[in-house]
């Protein structure tokens, strides 16, 4: 049985965000891994869900453009909203999430 490699910082993985908290979207979507593997004992990673890129996002310092490349596997330019958009950082529905390393 083949095991998937562990997610590394900067990787883009498909993550199942169900169940959700607050106003989060309940579906599988790409997310960028923020945390490093050496943090903590559990196989958890901190990720930020990606959304379709819109040019006006460039004005928000917490919104990071993630261009589509063959290396990251994205089919379209995306953005990482680390502040969580509607909810704001730390609020229910915030963009930063912890997820199991097996979520890819």
C-alpha atoms as a PDB file:
ATOM      1  CA  UNK A   1       0.000   0.000   0.000  1.00  0.00           C
ATOM      2  CA  UNK A   2       1.433   3.344  -1.081  1.00  0.00           C
ATOM      3  CA  UNK A   3       1.360   6.244   1.377  1.00  0.00           C
ATOM      4  CA  UNK A   4       0.933   9.825   0.189  1.00  0.00           C
ATOM      5  CA  UNK A   5       3.818  12.155   1.043  1.00  0.00           C
ATOM      6  CA  UNK A   6       3.292  14.466   4.017  1.00  0.00           C
ATOM      7  CA  UNK A   7       2.202  18.008   3.112  1.00  0.00           C
ATOM      8  CA  UNK A   8       5.075  20.509   3.192  1.00  0.00           C
ATOM      9  CA  UNK A   9       5.018  24.279   3.699  1.00  0.00           C
ATOM     10  CA  UNK A  10       4.073  25.957   0.402  1.00  0.00           C
ATOM     11  CA  UNK A  11       2.406  22.841  -1.060  1.00  0.00           C
ATOM     12  CA  UNK A  12      -1.078  23.101  -2.546  1.00  0.00           C
ATOM     13  CA  UNK A  13      -3.372  20.211  -1.534  1.00  0.00           C
ATOM     14  CA  UNK A  14      -7.027  19.436  -2.092  1.00  0.00           C
ATOM     15  CA  UNK A  15      -8.648  19.544   1.355  1.00  0.00           C
ATOM     16  CA  UNK A  16     -12.133  18.434   2.390  1.00  0.00           C
ATOM     17  CA  UNK A  17     -13.440  21.338   4.495  1.00  0.00           C
ATOM     18  CA  UNK A  18     -16.503  19.422   5.709  1.00  0.00           C
ATOM     19  CA  UNK A  19     -17.489  19.664   8.500  1.00  0.00           C
ATOM     20  CA  UNK A  20     -17.195  23.423   8.667  1.00  0.00           C
ATOM     21  CA  UNK A  21     -17.472  26.154  11.269  1.00  0.00           C
ATOM     22  CA  UNK A  22     -19.609  29.262  10.831  1.00  0.00           C
ATOM     23  CA  UNK A  23     -19.940  30.545   7.255  1.00  0.00           C
ATOM     24  CA  UNK A  24     -17.160  28.441   5.742  1.00  0.00           C
ATOM     25  CA  UNK A  25     -17.838  26.769   2.409  1.00  0.00           C
ATOM     26  CA  UNK A  26     -18.483  23.042   2.834  1.00  0.00           C
ATOM     27  CA  UNK A  27     -16.594  21.373  -0.015  1.00  0.00           C
ATOM     28  CA  UNK A  28     -13.271  20.041  -1.270  1.00  0.00           C
ATOM     29  CA  UNK A  29     -11.046  22.894  -2.411  1.00  0.00           C
ATOM     30  CA  UNK A  30      -7.367  23.697  -2.854  1.00  0.00           C
ATOM     31  CA  UNK A  31      -5.454  25.062   0.128  1.00  0.00           C
ATOM     32  CA  UNK A  32      -1.863  26.167   0.643  1.00  0.00           C
ATOM     33  CA  UNK A  33       0.078  24.665   3.584  1.00  0.00           C
ATOM     34  CA  UNK A  34       1.523  27.297   5.967  1.00  0.00           C
ATOM     35  CA  UNK A  35       2.958  25.215   8.797  1.00  0.00           C
ATOM     36  CA  UNK A  36       6.155  23.206   8.900  1.00  0.00           C
ATOM     37  CA  UNK A  37       6.265  19.462   9.621  1.00  0.00           C
ATOM     38  CA  UNK A  38       8.363  19.881  12.784  1.00  0.00           C
ATOM     39  CA  UNK A  39       5.628  21.682  14.723  1.00  0.00           C
ATOM     40  CA  UNK A  40       3.924  19.584  17.374  1.00  0.00           C
ATOM     41  CA  UNK A  41       3.515  15.824  17.734  1.00  0.00           C
ATOM     42  CA  UNK A  42       0.279  15.396  15.809  1.00  0.00           C
ATOM     43  CA  UNK A  43       0.174  15.098  11.987  1.00  0.00           C
ATOM     44  CA  UNK A  44      -1.675  18.408  11.642  1.00  0.00           C
ATOM     45  CA  UNK A  45      -1.003  21.228   9.199  1.00  0.00           C
ATOM     46  CA  UNK A  46      -2.209  24.818   9.133  1.00  0.00           C
ATOM     47  CA  UNK A  47      -3.685  25.635   5.730  1.00  0.00           C
ATOM     48  CA  UNK A  48      -5.366  28.566   4.009  1.00  0.00           C
ATOM     49  CA  UNK A  49      -8.136  27.757   1.511  1.00  0.00           C
ATOM     50  CA  UNK A  50      -7.647  29.196  -1.973  1.00  0.00           C
ATOM     51  CA  UNK A  51     -10.253  31.084  -3.952  1.00  0.00           C
ATOM     52  CA  UNK A  52     -10.470  32.440  -7.502  1.00  0.00           C
ATOM     53  CA  UNK A  53      -8.154  35.447  -7.914  1.00  0.00           C
ATOM     54  CA  UNK A  54      -9.766  38.842  -8.440  1.00  0.00           C
ATOM     55  CA  UNK A  55      -7.543  41.851  -9.194  1.00  0.00           C
ATOM     56  CA  UNK A  56      -9.012  43.962  -6.358  1.00  0.00           C
ATOM     57  CA  UNK A  57      -7.622  41.389  -3.858  1.00  0.00           C
ATOM     58  CA  UNK A  58      -4.137  42.794  -4.585  1.00  0.00           C
ATOM     59  CA  UNK A  59      -5.007  45.845  -2.451  1.00  0.00           C
ATOM     60  CA  UNK A  60      -5.435  43.710   0.697  1.00  0.00           C
ATOM     61  CA  UNK A  61      -2.098  43.045   2.422  1.00  0.00           C
ATOM     62  CA  UNK A  62      -3.373  39.740   3.887  1.00  0.00           C
ATOM     63  CA  UNK A  63      -4.462  38.380   0.490  1.00  0.00           C
ATOM     64  CA  UNK A  64      -1.664  36.525  -1.313  1.00  0.00           C
ATOM     65  CA  UNK A  65      -1.775  35.803  -5.039  1.00  0.00           C
ATOM     66  CA  UNK A  66      -1.039  32.170  -5.943  1.00  0.00           C
ATOM     67  CA  UNK A  67      -0.567  31.918  -9.728  1.00  0.00           C
ATOM     68  CA  UNK A  68      -1.494  28.658 -11.452  1.00  0.00           C
ATOM     69  CA  UNK A  69       1.592  26.638 -12.386  1.00  0.00           C
ATOM     70  CA  UNK A  70       2.352  23.066 -13.366  1.00  0.00           C
ATOM     71  CA  UNK A  71       4.233  22.689 -10.069  1.00  0.00           C
ATOM     72  CA  UNK A  72       1.272  23.566  -7.815  1.00  0.00           C
ATOM     73  CA  UNK A  73      -1.354  21.874  -9.999  1.00  0.00           C
ATOM     74  CA  UNK A  74      -3.791  24.793  -9.963  1.00  0.00           C
ATOM     75  CA  UNK A  75      -5.863  25.228 -13.110  1.00  0.00           C
ATOM     76  CA  UNK A  76      -6.440  28.966 -12.562  1.00  0.00           C
ATOM     77  CA  UNK A  77      -4.846  31.843 -10.690  1.00  0.00           C
ATOM     78  CA  UNK A  78      -5.961  31.826  -7.068  1.00  0.00           C
ATOM     79  CA  UNK A  79      -5.595  33.782  -3.843  1.00  0.00           C
ATOM     80  CA  UNK A  80      -5.038  32.848  -0.202  1.00  0.00           C
ATOM     81  CA  UNK A  81      -7.146  34.941   2.199  1.00  0.00           C
ATOM     82  CA  UNK A  82      -5.264  34.481   5.477  1.00  0.00           C
ATOM     83  CA  UNK A  83      -7.558  36.930   7.282  1.00  0.00           C
ATOM     84  CA  UNK A  84     -10.633  34.875   6.486  1.00  0.00           C
ATOM     85  CA  UNK A  85     -12.582  37.364   4.399  1.00  0.00           C
ATOM     86  CA  UNK A  86     -16.023  37.762   5.970  1.00  0.00           C
ATOM     87  CA  UNK A  87     -15.078  36.528   9.429  1.00  0.00           C
ATOM     88  CA  UNK A  88     -11.677  38.153   9.893  1.00  0.00           C
ATOM     89  CA  UNK A  89      -8.653  36.466  11.446  1.00  0.00           C
ATOM     90  CA  UNK A  90      -9.541  34.211  14.333  1.00  0.00           C
ATOM     91  CA  UNK A  91     -13.293  34.581  13.855  1.00  0.00           C
ATOM     92  CA  UNK A  92     -15.591  31.676  13.029  1.00  0.00           C
ATOM     93  CA  UNK A  93     -15.128  31.081   9.332  1.00  0.00           C
ATOM     94  CA  UNK A  94     -11.614  32.546   9.317  1.00  0.00           C
ATOM     95  CA  UNK A  95      -9.375  31.459   6.471  1.00  0.00           C
ATOM     96  CA  UNK A  96      -6.602  29.763   8.438  1.00  0.00           C
ATOM     97  CA  UNK A  97      -7.417  26.152   9.358  1.00  0.00           C
ATOM     98  CA  UNK A  98      -5.631  23.187  10.923  1.00  0.00           C
ATOM     99  CA  UNK A  99      -6.131  19.947   9.064  1.00  0.00           C
ATOM    100  CA  UNK A 100      -4.909  16.374   9.240  1.00  0.00           C
ATOM    101  CA  UNK A 101      -1.879  15.560   7.117  1.00  0.00           C
ATOM    102  CA  UNK A 102      -3.921  12.836   5.445  1.00  0.00           C
ATOM    103  CA  UNK A 103      -6.364  15.381   3.980  1.00  0.00           C
ATOM    104  CA  UNK A 104      -4.570  15.645   0.611  1.00  0.00           C
END
